[in-house]
Amino acid sequence: MDWQGQKLAEQLMQTLLLAFAVVAFVVGYSLGSFQMMLLIYAGGVALTTLITVPNWPFFNRHPLKWLDSSEVDRHPKPQPVKSKKKPTKQK
């Protein structure tokens, strides 16, 4: 899953869970059934999990391009520059 796919999965998860929570509350309140409310919300959580957890192809629309190992040898990792300043004394 690429970075944009992770963002999409997160947004889908939040939207679906909120929608199922609202629907479950409204149905449960109108029927006066706490059990029905929990069943609807549990079904929503299960459906949301099936949609957002597997690595579906639409989560991989922007693949990352990795360097070949031969390219890594030609482009070494930059080293941090050490400062040549003397530390100042604070009073």
PDB file of N, CA and C in Angstrom:
ATOM      1  N   MET A   1       0.856  -1.174   0.000  1.00  0.00           N
ATOM      2  CA  MET A   1       0.000   0.000   0.000  1.00  0.00           C
ATOM      3  C   MET A   1       0.899   1.234   0.000  1.00  0.00           C
ATOM      4  N   ASP A   2       0.639   2.156  -0.912  1.00  0.00           N
ATOM      5  CA  ASP A   2       1.452   3.367  -0.982  1.00  0.00           C
ATOM      6  C   ASP A   2       0.920   4.430  -0.022  1.00  0.00           C
ATOM      7  N   TRP A   3       1.615   5.573   0.017  1.00  0.00           N
ATOM      8  CA  TRP A   3       1.255   6.620   0.987  1.00  0.00           C
ATOM      9  C   TRP A   3      -0.147   7.174   0.732  1.00  0.00           C
ATOM     10  N   GLN A   4      -0.478   7.418  -0.518  1.00  0.00           N
ATOM     11  CA  GLN A   4      -1.817   7.918  -0.826  1.00  0.00           C
ATOM     12  C   GLN A   4      -2.865   6.856  -0.521  1.00  0.00           C
ATOM     13  N   GLY A   5      -2.521   5.586  -0.719  1.00  0.00           N
ATOM     14  CA  GLY A   5      -3.428   4.496  -0.372  1.00  0.00           C
ATOM     15  C   GLY A   5      -3.680   4.412   1.128  1.00  0.00           C
ATOM     16  N   GLN A   6      -2.649   4.668   1.917  1.00  0.00           N
ATOM     17  CA  GLN A   6      -2.819   4.687   3.373  1.00  0.00           C
ATOM     18  C   GLN A   6      -3.738   5.825   3.792  1.00  0.00           C
ATOM     19  N   LYS A   7      -3.554   6.969   3.156  1.00  0.00           N
ATOM     20  CA  LYS A   7      -4.418   8.116   3.475  1.00  0.00           C
ATOM     21  C   LYS A   7      -5.866   7.818   3.088  1.00  0.00           C
ATOM     22  N   LEU A   8      -6.062   7.216   1.911  1.00  0.00           N
ATOM     23  CA  LEU A   8      -7.402   6.856   1.469  1.00  0.00           C
ATOM     24  C   LEU A   8      -8.037   5.825   2.398  1.00  0.00           C
ATOM     25  N   ALA A   9      -7.265   4.831   2.826  1.00  0.00           N
ATOM     26  CA  ALA A   9      -7.785   3.818   3.743  1.00  0.00           C
ATOM     27  C   ALA A   9      -8.198   4.448   5.068  1.00  0.00           C
ATOM     28  N   GLU A  10      -7.397   5.368   5.563  1.00  0.00           N
ATOM     29  CA  GLU A  10      -7.728   6.057   6.822  1.00  0.00           C
ATOM     30  C   GLU A  10      -9.008   6.878   6.675  1.00  0.00           C
ATOM     31  N   GLN A  11      -9.124   7.614   5.584  1.00  0.00           N
ATOM     32  CA  GLN A  11     -10.324   8.424   5.361  1.00  0.00           C
ATOM     33  C   GLN A  11     -11.562   7.553   5.196  1.00  0.00           C
ATOM     34  N   LEU A  12     -11.438   6.443   4.453  1.00  0.00           N
ATOM     35  CA  LEU A  12     -12.558   5.519   4.289  1.00  0.00           C
ATOM     36  C   LEU A  12     -12.982   4.928   5.631  1.00  0.00           C
ATOM     37  N   MET A  13     -11.990   4.538   6.429  1.00  0.00           N
ATOM     38  CA  MET A  13     -12.296   3.948   7.723  1.00  0.00           C
ATOM     39  C   MET A  13     -13.064   4.925   8.604  1.00  0.00           C
ATOM     40  N   GLN A  14     -12.582   6.152   8.693  1.00  0.00           N
ATOM     41  CA  GLN A  14     -13.248   7.147   9.537  1.00  0.00           C
ATOM     42  C   GLN A  14     -14.656   7.446   9.034  1.00  0.00           C
ATOM     43  N   THR A  15     -14.806   7.606   7.725  1.00  0.00           N
ATOM     44  CA  THR A  15     -16.117   7.928   7.150  1.00  0.00           C
ATOM     45  C   THR A  15     -17.110   6.782   7.353  1.00  0.00           C
ATOM     46  N   LEU A  16     -16.675   5.553   7.064  1.00  0.00           N
ATOM     47  CA  LEU A  16     -17.575   4.409   7.201  1.00  0.00           C
ATOM     48  C   LEU A  16     -17.973   4.166   8.650  1.00  0.00           C
ATOM     49  N   LEU A  17     -17.005   4.258   9.569  1.00  0.00           N
ATOM     50  CA  LEU A  17     -17.343   4.037  10.980  1.00  0.00           C
ATOM     51  C   LEU A  17     -18.314   5.094  11.496  1.00  0.00           C
ATOM     52  N   LEU A  18     -18.107   6.335  11.091  1.00  0.00           N
ATOM     53  CA  LEU A  18     -19.020   7.393  11.508  1.00  0.00           C
ATOM     54  C   LEU A  18     -20.417   7.181  10.915  1.00  0.00           C
ATOM     55  N   ALA A  19     -20.477   6.813   9.632  1.00  0.00           N
ATOM     56  CA  ALA A  19     -21.772   6.580   8.988  1.00  0.00           C
ATOM     57  C   ALA A  19     -22.505   5.414   9.647  1.00  0.00           C
ATOM     58  N   PHE A  20     -21.803   4.322   9.905  1.00  0.00           N
ATOM     59  CA  PHE A  20     -22.451   3.182  10.555  1.00  0.00           C
ATOM     60  C   PHE A  20     -22.858   3.513  11.987  1.00  0.00           C
ATOM     61  N   ALA A  21     -22.089   4.341  12.677  1.00  0.00           N
ATOM     62  CA  ALA A  21     -22.469   4.731  14.038  1.00  0.00           C
ATOM     63  C   ALA A  21     -23.758   5.545  14.024  1.00  0.00           C
ATOM     64  N   VAL A  22     -23.865   6.468  13.082  1.00  0.00           N
ATOM     65  CA  VAL A  22     -25.075   7.301  12.991  1.00  0.00           C
ATOM     66  C   VAL A  22     -26.284   6.437  12.621  1.00  0.00           C
ATOM     67  N   VAL A  23     -26.124   5.577  11.616  1.00  0.00           N
ATOM     68  CA  VAL A  23     -27.232   4.707  11.198  1.00  0.00           C
ATOM     69  C   VAL A  23     -27.628   3.774  12.341  1.00  0.00           C
ATOM     70  N   ALA A  24     -26.655   3.195  13.019  1.00  0.00           N
ATOM     71  CA  ALA A  24     -26.950   2.283  14.125  1.00  0.00           C
ATOM     72  C   ALA A  24     -27.689   3.003  15.249  1.00  0.00           C
ATOM     73  N   PHE A  25     -27.262   4.223  15.560  1.00  0.00           N
ATOM     74  CA  PHE A  25     -27.930   4.973  16.626  1.00  0.00           C
ATOM     75  C   PHE A  25     -29.369   5.313  16.248  1.00  0.00           C
ATOM     76  N   VAL A  26     -29.571   5.798  15.023  1.00  0.00           N
ATOM     77  CA  VAL A  26     -30.914   6.187  14.594  1.00  0.00           C
ATOM     78  C   VAL A  26     -31.853   4.978  14.577  1.00  0.00           C
ATOM     79  N   VAL A  27     -31.396   3.876  14.006  1.00  0.00           N
ATOM     80  CA  VAL A  27     -32.235   2.674  13.955  1.00  0.00           C
ATOM     81  C   VAL A  27     -32.475   2.131  15.361  1.00  0.00           C
ATOM     82  N   GLY A  28     -31.424   2.061  16.159  1.00  0.00           N
ATOM     83  CA  GLY A  28     -31.576   1.556  17.520  1.00  0.00           C
ATOM     84  C   GLY A  28     -32.493   2.424  18.362  1.00  0.00           C
ATOM     85  N   TYR A  29     -32.403   3.727  18.192  1.00  0.00           N
ATOM     86  CA  TYR A  29     -33.255   4.652  18.951  1.00  0.00           C
ATOM     87  C   TYR A  29     -34.709   4.560  18.489  1.00  0.00           C
ATOM     88  N   SER A  30     -34.898   4.498  17.168  1.00  0.00           N
ATOM     89  CA  SER A  30     -36.272   4.447  16.654  1.00  0.00           C
ATOM     90  C   SER A  30     -36.965   3.129  17.006  1.00  0.00           C
ATOM     91  N   LEU A  31     -36.202   2.026  17.041  1.00  0.00           N
ATOM     92  CA  LEU A  31     -36.782   0.738  17.406  1.00  0.00           C
ATOM     93  C   LEU A  31     -36.760   0.498  18.918  1.00  0.00           C
ATOM     94  N   GLY A  32     -36.010   1.322  19.629  1.00  0.00           N
ATOM     95  CA  GLY A  32     -35.871   1.133  21.062  1.00  0.00           C
ATOM     96  C   GLY A  32     -35.117  -0.147  21.394  1.00  0.00           C
ATOM     97  N   SER A  33     -34.154  -0.491  20.549  1.00  0.00           N
ATOM     98  CA  SER A  33     -33.426  -1.747  20.714  1.00  0.00           C
ATOM     99  C   SER A  33     -31.921  -1.495  20.748  1.00  0.00           C
ATOM    100  N   PHE A  34     -31.364  -1.657  21.940  1.00  0.00           N
ATOM    101  CA  PHE A  34     -29.923  -1.510  22.094  1.00  0.00           C
ATOM    102  C   PHE A  34     -29.203  -2.644  21.365  1.00  0.00           C
ATOM    103  N   GLN A  35     -29.790  -3.824  21.365  1.00  0.00           N
ATOM    104  CA  GLN A  35     -29.197  -4.972  20.696  1.00  0.00           C
ATOM    105  C   GLN A  35     -29.110  -4.741  19.185  1.00  0.00           C
ATOM    106  N   MET A  36     -30.150  -4.200  18.589  1.00  0.00           N
ATOM    107  CA  MET A  36     -30.137  -3.911  17.147  1.00  0.00           C
ATOM    108  C   MET A  36     -29.075  -2.869  16.821  1.00  0.00           C
ATOM    109  N   MET A  37     -28.956  -1.861  17.686  1.00  0.00           N
ATOM    110  CA  MET A  37     -27.944  -0.837  17.475  1.00  0.00           C
ATOM    111  C   MET A  37     -26.549  -1.460  17.473  1.00  0.00           C
ATOM    112  N   LEU A  38     -26.261  -2.329  18.428  1.00  0.00           N
ATOM    113  CA  LEU A  38     -24.951  -2.971  18.500  1.00  0.00           C
ATOM    114  C   LEU A  38     -24.700  -3.895  17.314  1.00  0.00           C
ATOM    115  N   LEU A  39     -25.727  -4.608  16.882  1.00  0.00           N
ATOM    116  CA  LEU A  39     -25.565  -5.500  15.735  1.00  0.00           C
ATOM    117  C   LEU A  39     -25.265  -4.727  14.447  1.00  0.00           C
ATOM    118  N   ILE A  40     -25.963  -3.626  14.246  1.00  0.00           N
ATOM    119  CA  ILE A  40     -25.712  -2.809  13.054  1.00  0.00           C
ATOM    120  C   ILE A  40     -24.303  -2.223  13.092  1.00  0.00           C
ATOM    121  N   TYR A  41     -23.898  -1.730  14.261  1.00  0.00           N
ATOM    122  CA  TYR A  41     -22.556  -1.146  14.367  1.00  0.00           C
ATOM    123  C   TYR A  41     -21.480  -2.224  14.206  1.00  0.00           C
ATOM    124  N   ALA A  42     -21.692  -3.402  14.778  1.00  0.00           N
ATOM    125  CA  ALA A  42     -20.722  -4.496  14.630  1.00  0.00           C
ATOM    126  C   ALA A  42     -20.607  -4.919  13.164  1.00  0.00           C
ATOM    127  N   GLY A  43     -21.738  -4.974  12.465  1.00  0.00           N
ATOM    128  CA  GLY A  43     -21.694  -5.270  11.033  1.00  0.00           C
ATOM    129  C   GLY A  43     -20.939  -4.199  10.264  1.00  0.00           C
ATOM    130  N   GLY A  44     -21.116  -2.944  10.662  1.00  0.00           N
ATOM    131  CA  GLY A  44     -20.388  -1.849  10.022  1.00  0.00           C
ATOM    132  C   GLY A  44     -18.895  -1.934  10.264  1.00  0.00           C
ATOM    133  N   VAL A  45     -18.517  -2.306  11.478  1.00  0.00           N
ATOM    134  CA  VAL A  45     -17.089  -2.460  11.789  1.00  0.00           C
ATOM    135  C   VAL A  45     -16.498  -3.600  10.957  1.00  0.00           C
ATOM    136  N   ALA A  46     -17.238  -4.711  10.853  1.00  0.00           N
ATOM    137  CA  ALA A  46     -16.757  -5.845  10.056  1.00  0.00           C
ATOM    138  C   ALA A  46     -16.624  -5.460   8.575  1.00  0.00           C
ATOM    139  N   LEU A  47     -17.617  -4.769   8.030  1.00  0.00           N
ATOM    140  CA  LEU A  47     -17.558  -4.339   6.630  1.00  0.00           C
ATOM    141  C   LEU A  47     -16.423  -3.336   6.409  1.00  0.00           C
ATOM    142  N   THR A  48     -16.261  -2.407   7.331  1.00  0.00           N
ATOM    143  CA  THR A  48     -15.171  -1.428   7.239  1.00  0.00           C
ATOM    144  C   THR A  48     -13.819  -2.123   7.265  1.00  0.00           C
ATOM    145  N   THR A  49     -13.684  -3.143   8.106  1.00  0.00           N
ATOM    146  CA  THR A  49     -12.437  -3.902   8.173  1.00  0.00           C
ATOM    147  C   THR A  49     -12.161  -4.613   6.860  1.00  0.00           C
ATOM    148  N   LEU A  50     -13.187  -5.204   6.261  1.00  0.00           N
ATOM    149  CA  LEU A  50     -13.009  -5.895   4.976  1.00  0.00           C
ATOM    150  C   LEU A  50     -12.648  -4.939   3.848  1.00  0.00           C
ATOM    151  N   ILE A  51     -13.081  -3.699   3.954  1.00  0.00           N
ATOM    152  CA  ILE A  51     -12.790  -2.724   2.905  1.00  0.00           C
ATOM    153  C   ILE A  51     -11.411  -2.097   3.087  1.00  0.00           C
ATOM    154  N   THR A  52     -11.026  -1.789   4.312  1.00  0.00           N
ATOM    155  CA  THR A  52      -9.811  -0.988   4.522  1.00  0.00           C
ATOM    156  C   THR A  52      -8.562  -1.781   4.879  1.00  0.00           C
ATOM    157  N   VAL A  53      -8.670  -2.983   5.425  1.00  0.00           N
ATOM    158  CA  VAL A  53      -7.467  -3.701   5.860  1.00  0.00           C
ATOM    159  C   VAL A  53      -6.752  -4.423   4.725  1.00  0.00           C
ATOM    160  N   PRO A  54      -7.422  -5.170   3.845  1.00  0.00           N
ATOM    161  CA  PRO A  54      -6.670  -5.838   2.765  1.00  0.00           C
ATOM    162  C   PRO A  54      -6.023  -4.832   1.812  1.00  0.00           C
ATOM    163  N   ASN A  55      -4.955  -5.263   1.193  1.00  0.00           N
ATOM    164  CA  ASN A  55      -4.226  -4.404   0.264  1.00  0.00           C
ATOM    165  C   ASN A  55      -4.871  -4.487  -1.129  1.00  0.00           C
ATOM    166  N   TRP A  56      -6.006  -3.821  -1.291  1.00  0.00           N
ATOM    167  CA  TRP A  56      -6.727  -3.831  -2.555  1.00  0.00           C
ATOM    168  C   TRP A  56      -5.950  -3.045  -3.608  1.00  0.00           C
ATOM    169  N   PRO A  57      -6.141  -3.351  -4.898  1.00  0.00           N
ATOM    170  CA  PRO A  57      -5.406  -2.650  -5.960  1.00  0.00           C
ATOM    171  C   PRO A  57      -5.647  -1.140  -5.982  1.00  0.00           C
ATOM    172  N   PHE A  58      -6.818  -0.669  -5.582  1.00  0.00           N
ATOM    173  CA  PHE A  58      -7.043   0.781  -5.631  1.00  0.00           C
ATOM    174  C   PHE A  58      -6.269   1.523  -4.545  1.00  0.00           C
ATOM    175  N   PHE A  59      -5.637   0.803  -3.609  1.00  0.00           N
ATOM    176  CA  PHE A  59      -4.747   1.442  -2.635  1.00  0.00           C
ATOM    177  C   PHE A  59      -3.323   1.555  -3.171  1.00  0.00           C
ATOM    178  N   ASN A  60      -3.050   1.000  -4.353  1.00  0.00           N
ATOM    179  CA  ASN A  60      -1.696   0.994  -4.932  1.00  0.00           C
ATOM    180  C   ASN A  60      -1.614   1.759  -6.242  1.00  0.00           C
ATOM    181  N   ARG A  61      -2.294   2.859  -6.334  1.00  0.00           N
ATOM    182  CA  ARG A  61      -2.294   3.628  -7.587  1.00  0.00           C
ATOM    183  C   ARG A  61      -1.049   4.479  -7.772  1.00  0.00           C
ATOM    184  N   HIS A  62      -0.320   4.756  -6.694  1.00  0.00           N
ATOM    185  CA  HIS A  62       0.873   5.617  -6.757  1.00  0.00           C
ATOM    186  C   HIS A  62       2.063   4.871  -6.149  1.00  0.00           C
ATOM    187  N   PRO A  63       2.605   3.875  -6.860  1.00  0.00           N
ATOM    188  CA  PRO A  63       3.702   3.088  -6.278  1.00  0.00           C
ATOM    189  C   PRO A  63       4.981   3.919  -6.135  1.00  0.00           C
ATOM    190  N   LEU A  64       5.770   3.555  -5.135  1.00  0.00           N
ATOM    191  CA  LEU A  64       7.051   4.217  -4.918  1.00  0.00           C
ATOM    192  C   LEU A  64       8.095   3.607  -5.842  1.00  0.00           C
ATOM    193  N   LYS A  65       9.004   4.445  -6.321  1.00  0.00           N
ATOM    194  CA  LYS A  65      10.076   3.959  -7.162  1.00  0.00           C
ATOM    195  C   LYS A  65      11.337   3.858  -6.298  1.00  0.00           C
ATOM    196  N   TRP A  66      11.781   2.626  -6.066  1.00  0.00           N
ATOM    197  CA  TRP A  66      12.959   2.389  -5.243  1.00  0.00           C
ATOM    198  C   TRP A  66      14.199   2.362  -6.129  1.00  0.00           C
ATOM    199  N   LEU A  67      15.344   2.746  -5.538  1.00  0.00           N
ATOM    200  CA  LEU A  67      16.601   2.695  -6.272  1.00  0.00           C
ATOM    201  C   LEU A  67      17.100   1.254  -6.351  1.00  0.00           C
ATOM    202  N   ASP A  68      17.770   0.923  -7.465  1.00  0.00           N
ATOM    203  CA  ASP A  68      18.451  -0.367  -7.560  1.00  0.00           C
ATOM    204  C   ASP A  68      19.656  -0.338  -6.626  1.00  0.00           C
ATOM    205  N   SER A  69      20.129  -1.500  -6.244  1.00  0.00           N
ATOM    206  CA  SER A  69      21.288  -1.549  -5.346  1.00  0.00           C
ATOM    207  C   SER A  69      22.533  -0.960  -6.005  1.00  0.00           C
ATOM    208  N   SER A  70      22.639  -1.044  -7.330  1.00  0.00           N
ATOM    209  CA  SER A  70      23.778  -0.444  -8.024  1.00  0.00           C
ATOM    210  C   SER A  70      23.725   1.083  -7.944  1.00  0.00           C
ATOM    211  N   GLU A  71      22.533   1.650  -7.930  1.00  0.00           N
ATOM    212  CA  GLU A  71      22.382   3.099  -7.817  1.00  0.00           C
ATOM    213  C   GLU A  71      22.755   3.578  -6.415  1.00  0.00           C
ATOM    214  N   VAL A  72      22.501   2.780  -5.422  1.00  0.00           N
ATOM    215  CA  VAL A  72      22.799   3.170  -4.047  1.00  0.00           C
ATOM    216  C   VAL A  72      24.296   3.359  -3.867  1.00  0.00           C
ATOM    217  N   ASP A  73      25.106   2.496  -4.483  1.00  0.00           N
ATOM    218  CA  ASP A  73      26.559   2.613  -4.372  1.00  0.00           C
ATOM    219  C   ASP A  73      27.071   3.900  -5.024  1.00  0.00           C
ATOM    220  N   ARG A  74      26.416   4.347  -6.066  1.00  0.00           N
ATOM    221  CA  ARG A  74      26.846   5.570  -6.757  1.00  0.00           C
ATOM    222  C   ARG A  74      26.420   6.832  -6.022  1.00  0.00           C
ATOM    223  N   HIS A  75      25.405   6.738  -5.183  1.00  0.00           N
ATOM    224  CA  HIS A  75      24.899   7.898  -4.456  1.00  0.00           C
ATOM    225  C   HIS A  75      24.974   7.615  -2.961  1.00  0.00           C
ATOM    226  N   PRO A  76      26.141   7.857  -2.343  1.00  0.00           N
ATOM    227  CA  PRO A  76      26.269   7.528  -0.919  1.00  0.00           C
ATOM    228  C   PRO A  76      25.398   8.435  -0.050  1.00  0.00           C
ATOM    229  N   LYS A  77      25.111   7.943   1.121  1.00  0.00           N
ATOM    230  CA  LYS A  77      24.292   8.692   2.065  1.00  0.00           C
ATOM    231  C   LYS A  77      25.054   9.921   2.542  1.00  0.00           C
ATOM    232  N   PRO A  78      24.416  11.105   2.546  1.00  0.00           N
ATOM    233  CA  PRO A  78      25.114  12.311   2.999  1.00  0.00           C
ATOM    234  C   PRO A  78      25.441  12.212   4.493  1.00  0.00           C
ATOM    235  N   GLN A  79      26.630  12.673   4.821  1.00  0.00           N
ATOM    236  CA  GLN A  79      27.073  12.668   6.215  1.00  0.00           C
ATOM    237  C   GLN A  79      26.784  14.028   6.839  1.00  0.00           C
ATOM    238  N   PRO A  80      26.428  14.071   8.127  1.00  0.00           N
ATOM    239  CA  PRO A  80      26.168  15.363   8.768  1.00  0.00           C
ATOM    240  C   PRO A  80      27.451  16.186   8.881  1.00  0.00           C
ATOM    241  N   VAL A  81      27.312  17.482   8.714  1.00  0.00           N
ATOM    242  CA  VAL A  81      28.449  18.400   8.777  1.00  0.00           C
ATOM    243  C   VAL A  81      28.665  18.792  10.233  1.00  0.00           C
ATOM    244  N   LYS A  82      29.920  18.641  10.679  1.00  0.00           N
ATOM    245  CA  LYS A  82      30.243  19.021  12.054  1.00  0.00           C
ATOM    246  C   LYS A  82      30.612  20.492  12.080  1.00  0.00           C
ATOM    247  N   SER A  83      30.089  21.190  13.065  1.00  0.00           N
ATOM    248  CA  SER A  83      30.358  22.619  13.199  1.00  0.00           C
ATOM    249  C   SER A  83      31.747  22.819  13.787  1.00  0.00           C
ATOM    250  N   LYS A  84      32.494  23.812  13.254  1.00  0.00           N
ATOM    251  CA  LYS A  84      33.837  24.097  13.728  1.00  0.00           C
ATOM    252  C   LYS A  84      33.842  25.234  14.748  1.00  0.00           C
ATOM    253  N   LYS A  85      32.668  25.729  15.121  1.00  0.00           N
ATOM    254  CA  LYS A  85      32.582  26.817  16.092  1.00  0.00           C
ATOM    255  C   LYS A  85      32.887  26.290  17.486  1.00  0.00           C
ATOM    256  N   LYS A  86      33.521  27.164  18.280  1.00  0.00           N
ATOM    257  CA  LYS A  86      33.750  26.800  19.668  1.00  0.00           C
ATOM    258  C   LYS A  86      32.484  27.115  20.447  1.00  0.00           C
ATOM    259  N   PRO A  87      32.137  26.253  21.400  1.00  0.00           N
ATOM    260  CA  PRO A  87      30.948  26.561  22.202  1.00  0.00           C
ATOM    261  C   PRO A  87      31.187  27.809  23.049  1.00  0.00           C
ATOM    262  N   THR A  88      30.183  28.640  23.125  1.00  0.00           N
ATOM    263  CA  THR A  88      30.301  29.869  23.915  1.00  0.00           C
ATOM    264  C   THR A  88      29.888  29.593  25.339  1.00  0.00           C
ATOM    265  N   LYS A  89      30.556  30.278  26.253  1.00  0.00           N
ATOM    266  CA  LYS A  89      30.221  30.123  27.668  1.00  0.00           C
ATOM    267  C   LYS A  89      29.066  31.038  27.987  1.00  0.00           C
ATOM    268  N   GLN A  90      28.104  30.500  28.696  1.00  0.00           N
ATOM    269  CA  GLN A  90      26.968  31.305  29.114  1.00  0.00           C
ATOM    270  C   GLN A  90      27.095  31.618  30.581  1.00  0.00           C
ATOM    271  N   LYS A  91      26.792  32.848  30.931  1.00  0.00           N
ATOM    272  CA  LYS A  91      26.909  33.271  32.333  1.00  0.00           C
ATOM    273  C   LYS A  91      25.600  33.198  33.034  1.00  0.00           C
TER     274      LYS A  91
END
